[in-house]
C-alpha atoms as a PDB file:
ATOM      1  CA  MET A   1     134.222  98.616  98.747  1.00  0.00           C
ATOM      2  CA  SER A   2     132.379  99.759 101.719  1.00  0.00           C
ATOM      3  CA  HIS A   3     129.075 101.893 101.555  1.00  0.00           C
ATOM      4  CA  LYS A   4     128.064 103.541 104.887  1.00  0.00           C
ATOM      5  CA  ARG A   5     124.950 105.004 105.261  1.00  0.00           C
ATOM      6  CA  GLY A   6     124.746 108.156 107.237  1.00  0.00           C
ATOM      7  CA  PRO A   7     121.489 109.517 108.683  1.00  0.00           C
ATOM      8  CA  GLN A   8     118.661 109.907 106.250  1.00  0.00           C
ATOM      9  CA  LYS A   9     115.925 112.728 106.512  1.00  0.00           C
ATOM     10  CA  SER A  10     112.622 110.481 106.835  1.00  0.00           C
ATOM     11  CA  ASP A  11     109.231 111.778 105.490  1.00  0.00           C
ATOM     12  CA  ALA A  12     107.482 109.155 107.531  1.00  0.00           C
ATOM     13  CA  LEU A  13     105.799 109.700 111.032  1.00  0.00           C
ATOM     14  CA  GLN A  14     107.949 108.881 113.718  1.00  0.00           C
ATOM     15  CA  SER A  15     107.432 108.626 117.595  1.00  0.00           C
ATOM     16  CA  ARG A  16     109.181 111.849 118.082  1.00  0.00           C
ATOM     17  CA  ASP A  17     106.408 113.675 116.059  1.00  0.00           C
ATOM     18  CA  LEU A  18     104.055 112.574 119.060  1.00  0.00           C
ATOM     19  CA  VAL A  19     106.012 113.824 121.727  1.00  0.00           C
ATOM     20  CA  GLY A  20     105.378 117.388 123.027  1.00  0.00           C
ATOM     21  CA  SER A  21     103.255 119.477 124.891  1.00  0.00           C
ATOM     22  CA  GLY A  22      99.634 119.668 123.747  1.00  0.00           C
ATOM     23  CA  SER A  23      98.217 122.720 122.009  1.00  0.00           C
ATOM     24  CA  SER A  24      95.374 124.673 123.633  1.00  0.00           C
ATOM     25  CA  VAL A  25      94.223 125.863 120.131  1.00  0.00           C
ATOM     26  CA  ASP A  26      90.734 124.457 120.538  1.00  0.00           C
ATOM     27  CA  ASP A  27      89.481 123.302 123.900  1.00  0.00           C
ATOM     28  CA  ARG A  28      86.544 121.293 122.257  1.00  0.00           C
ATOM     29  CA  ARG A  29      88.801 118.565 120.835  1.00  0.00           C
ATOM     30  CA  ARG A  30      88.407 115.208 122.110  1.00  0.00           C
ATOM     31  CA  GLU A  31      92.212 114.863 122.784  1.00  0.00           C
ATOM     32  CA  PRO A  32      95.231 116.997 123.188  1.00  0.00           C
ATOM     33  CA  ARG A  33      97.071 117.708 119.778  1.00  0.00           C
ATOM     34  CA  ILE A  34     100.907 118.063 119.334  1.00  0.00           C
ATOM     35  CA  VAL A  35     102.158 120.615 117.406  1.00  0.00           C
ATOM     36  CA  SER A  36     104.555 119.972 114.664  1.00  0.00           C
ATOM     37  CA  ASN A  37     106.248 121.736 111.907  1.00  0.00           C
ATOM     38  CA  ARG A  38     107.699 119.130 109.388  1.00  0.00           C
ATOM     39  CA  THR A  39     106.973 117.490 106.088  1.00  0.00           C
ATOM     40  CA  ILE A  40     105.725 113.996 105.771  1.00  0.00           C
ATOM     41  CA  SER A  41     104.432 111.936 102.645  1.00  0.00           C
ATOM     42  CA  ILE A  42     100.993 111.151 102.143  1.00  0.00           C
ATOM     43  CA  LEU A  43      99.547 108.861  99.305  1.00  0.00           C
ATOM     44  CA  PRO A  44      95.832 110.053  98.376  1.00  0.00           C
ATOM     45  CA  THR A  45      94.102 106.779  97.656  1.00  0.00           C
ATOM     46  CA  ALA A  46      90.484 107.940  97.348  1.00  0.00           C
ATOM     47  CA  SER A  47      90.576 111.474  96.386  1.00  0.00           C
ATOM     48  CA  ALA A  48      88.695 113.460  93.441  1.00  0.00           C
ATOM     49  CA  GLY A  49      91.574 115.862  93.359  1.00  0.00           C
ATOM     50  CA  GLN A  50      94.417 113.383  92.541  1.00  0.00           C
ATOM     51  CA  GLN A  51      94.202 111.868  88.962  1.00  0.00           C
ATOM     52  CA  GLU A  52      97.073 109.165  89.823  1.00  0.00           C
ATOM     53  CA  TRP A  53      98.282 107.269  92.989  1.00  0.00           C
ATOM     54  CA  LYS A  54     101.626 109.098  94.166  1.00  0.00           C
ATOM     55  CA  PHE A  55     103.260 110.167  97.233  1.00  0.00           C
ATOM     56  CA  ILE A  56     102.803 114.181  97.783  1.00  0.00           C
ATOM     57  CA  THR A  57     104.781 116.089 100.349  1.00  0.00           C
ATOM     58  CA  VAL A  58     102.819 117.945 103.090  1.00  0.00           C
ATOM     59  CA  ARG A  59     103.442 119.991 106.111  1.00  0.00           C
ATOM     60  CA  LEU A  60     102.260 118.167 109.359  1.00  0.00           C
ATOM     61  CA  LEU A  61     100.795 120.968 111.816  1.00  0.00           C
ATOM     62  CA  ASP A  62      99.729 118.650 114.500  1.00  0.00           C
ATOM     63  CA  CYS A  63      98.727 115.078 115.502  1.00  0.00           C
ATOM     64  CA  SER A  64      96.994 113.150 118.100  1.00  0.00           C
ATOM     65  CA  ASN A  65      96.289 109.630 118.892  1.00  0.00           C
ATOM     66  CA  ARG A  66      93.266 109.725 116.323  1.00  0.00           C
ATOM     67  CA  GLY A  67      94.077 112.395 113.861  1.00  0.00           C
ATOM     68  CA  LEU A  68      96.458 114.641 111.986  1.00  0.00           C
ATOM     69  CA  GLY A  69      96.236 118.385 110.976  1.00  0.00           C
ATOM     70  CA  LEU A  70      98.104 119.039 107.505  1.00  0.00           C
ATOM     71  CA  LEU A  71      98.830 122.163 105.346  1.00  0.00           C
ATOM     72  CA  THR A  72      98.559 120.997 101.794  1.00  0.00           C
ATOM     73  CA  ASP A  73      98.813 122.625  98.132  1.00  0.00           C
ATOM     74  CA  ILE A  74      95.865 120.649  96.872  1.00  0.00           C
ATOM     75  CA  PRO A  75      92.187 120.786  98.230  1.00  0.00           C
ATOM     76  CA  PHE A  76      90.765 117.489  99.682  1.00  0.00           C
ATOM     77  CA  ALA A  77      87.050 116.698 100.326  1.00  0.00           C
ATOM     78  CA  THR A  78      85.444 115.383 103.407  1.00  0.00           C
ATOM     79  CA  GLY A  79      85.527 111.614 102.900  1.00  0.00           C
ATOM     80  CA  ASP A  80      88.518 111.477 100.969  1.00  0.00           C
ATOM     81  CA  GLU A  81      91.219 109.040 101.975  1.00  0.00           C
ATOM     82  CA  PHE A  82      94.969 108.925 102.357  1.00  0.00           C
ATOM     83  CA  MET A  83      97.803 106.844 103.456  1.00  0.00           C
ATOM     84  CA  VAL A  84     100.724 108.139 105.703  1.00  0.00           C
ATOM     85  CA  LYS A  85     104.038 106.194 106.043  1.00  0.00           C
ATOM     86  CA  VAL A  86     104.754 105.549 109.618  1.00  0.00           C
ATOM     87  CA  GLN A  87     108.274 104.572 110.820  1.00  0.00           C
ATOM     88  CA  MET A  88     108.047 101.773 113.537  1.00  0.00           C
ATOM     89  CA  GLU A  89     110.186  98.710 113.623  1.00  0.00           C
ATOM     90  CA  ARG A  90     109.125  98.221 110.109  1.00  0.00           C
ATOM     91  CA  MET A  91     107.254 100.964 107.958  1.00  0.00           C
ATOM     92  CA  VAL A  92     103.652 100.802 108.331  1.00  0.00           C
ATOM     93  CA  LEU A  93     101.085 102.633 106.293  1.00  0.00           C
ATOM     94  CA  ALA A  94      98.234 104.338 108.364  1.00  0.00           C
ATOM     95  CA  SER A  95      95.081 105.231 106.700  1.00  0.00           C
ATOM     96  CA  TYR A  96      93.204 108.416 107.180  1.00  0.00           C
ATOM     97  CA  THR A  97      89.864 109.995 106.253  1.00  0.00           C
ATOM     98  CA  VAL A  98      89.650 113.718 105.550  1.00  0.00           C
ATOM     99  CA  ARG A  99      86.994 115.258 108.118  1.00  0.00           C
ATOM    100  CA  HIS A 100      87.395 118.784 106.986  1.00  0.00           C
ATOM    101  CA  CYS A 101      89.511 120.982 104.537  1.00  0.00           C
ATOM    102  CA  HIS A 102      89.596 125.028 104.645  1.00  0.00           C
ATOM    103  CA  LYS A 103      91.351 127.227 102.395  1.00  0.00           C
ATOM    104  CA  LYS A 104      93.937 129.070 104.192  1.00  0.00           C
ATOM    105  CA  GLU A 105      95.617 131.143 101.453  1.00  0.00           C
ATOM    106  CA  LEU A 106      96.061 131.084  97.593  1.00  0.00           C
ATOM    107  CA  ARG A 107      96.785 127.327  96.924  1.00  0.00           C
ATOM    108  CA  GLN A 108      97.001 126.253 100.696  1.00  0.00           C
ATOM    109  CA  TYR A 109      94.682 124.161 102.514  1.00  0.00           C
ATOM    110  CA  ILE A 110      94.335 122.935 106.001  1.00  0.00           C
ATOM    111  CA  VAL A 111      93.094 119.393 106.310  1.00  0.00           C
ATOM    112  CA  GLY A 112      92.028 117.483 109.230  1.00  0.00           C
ATOM    113  CA  ALA A 113      91.816 113.594 109.131  1.00  0.00           C
ATOM    114  CA  GLU A 114      91.061 110.906 111.200  1.00  0.00           C
ATOM    115  CA  LEU A 115      92.655 107.748 111.772  1.00  0.00           C
ATOM    116  CA  VAL A 116      90.923 104.844 110.320  1.00  0.00           C
ATOM    117  CA  GLY A 117      93.144 101.744 110.269  1.00  0.00           C
ATOM    118  CA  TYR A 118      96.777 100.837 109.307  1.00  0.00           C
ATOM    119  CA  VAL A 119      98.526  98.005 107.125  1.00  0.00           C
ATOM    120  CA  SER A 120     101.382  96.107 108.746  1.00  0.00           C
ATOM    121  CA  ALA A 121     103.029  92.809 108.734  1.00  0.00           C
ATOM    122  CA  PRO A 122     100.856  89.894 109.827  1.00  0.00           C
ATOM    123  CA  GLY A 123     100.961  89.030 113.399  1.00  0.00           C
ATOM    124  CA  GLU A 124     101.754  92.389 114.482  1.00  0.00           C
ATOM    125  CA  SER A 125      99.422  92.974 117.656  1.00  0.00           C
ATOM    126  CA  ILE A 126     100.760  96.280 118.802  1.00  0.00           C
ATOM    127  CA  SER A 127      98.561  99.398 118.429  1.00  0.00           C
ATOM    128  CA  LEU A 128      99.888 101.562 115.787  1.00  0.00           C
ATOM    129  CA  LEU A 129      99.471 104.703 117.920  1.00  0.00           C
ATOM    130  CA  ASP A 130     100.687 102.877 121.221  1.00  0.00           C
ATOM    131  CA  ALA A 131     103.915 102.260 119.030  1.00  0.00           C
ATOM    132  CA  LEU A 132     104.197 105.784 118.009  1.00  0.00           C
ATOM    133  CA  ILE A 133     103.974 107.180 121.443  1.00  0.00           C
ATOM    134  CA  GLY A 134     106.175 104.512 123.213  1.00  0.00           C
ATOM    135  CA  THR A 135     103.823 102.546 125.213  1.00  0.00           C
ATOM    136  CA  LYS A 136     102.282  98.888 125.398  1.00  0.00           C
ATOM    137  CA  ASN A 137      98.528  98.113 124.558  1.00  0.00           C
ATOM    138  CA  GLU A 138      97.484  97.099 127.909  1.00  0.00           C
ATOM    139  CA  THR A 139      95.072  94.748 126.597  1.00  0.00           C
ATOM    140  CA  ASP A 140      97.978  92.692 124.731  1.00  0.00           C
ATOM    141  CA  GLU A 141      98.999  90.090 126.909  1.00  0.00           C
END
């Protein structure tokens, strides 16, 4: 009995999420943002709004080398933390800290978060974000 696995829709960040043209929404940003409009899963790990640890689905609005812009159904406080599944050669968990959260509409919130680290297999030396955008970290020999 043969089981063929067809393409599965992933809710993890992938390198194609970081390919595109930058947004000119706010010229004060430290780096260009790549506009997106897809869902991803996040795991709030240090959030007053979450009673239990479980992945939730959010809309990815934009991303950059250092951050994400999300649309969520739950409010976050500045300093809250969450993990994002990132699809590389293996699955990696990236850790983000909320920098701001603004109410958009009834039960919709815009969240800006900054990358603070990641969890991967021991010995992986390539930068998470270099892997996402398909470049090799020049300091790695």
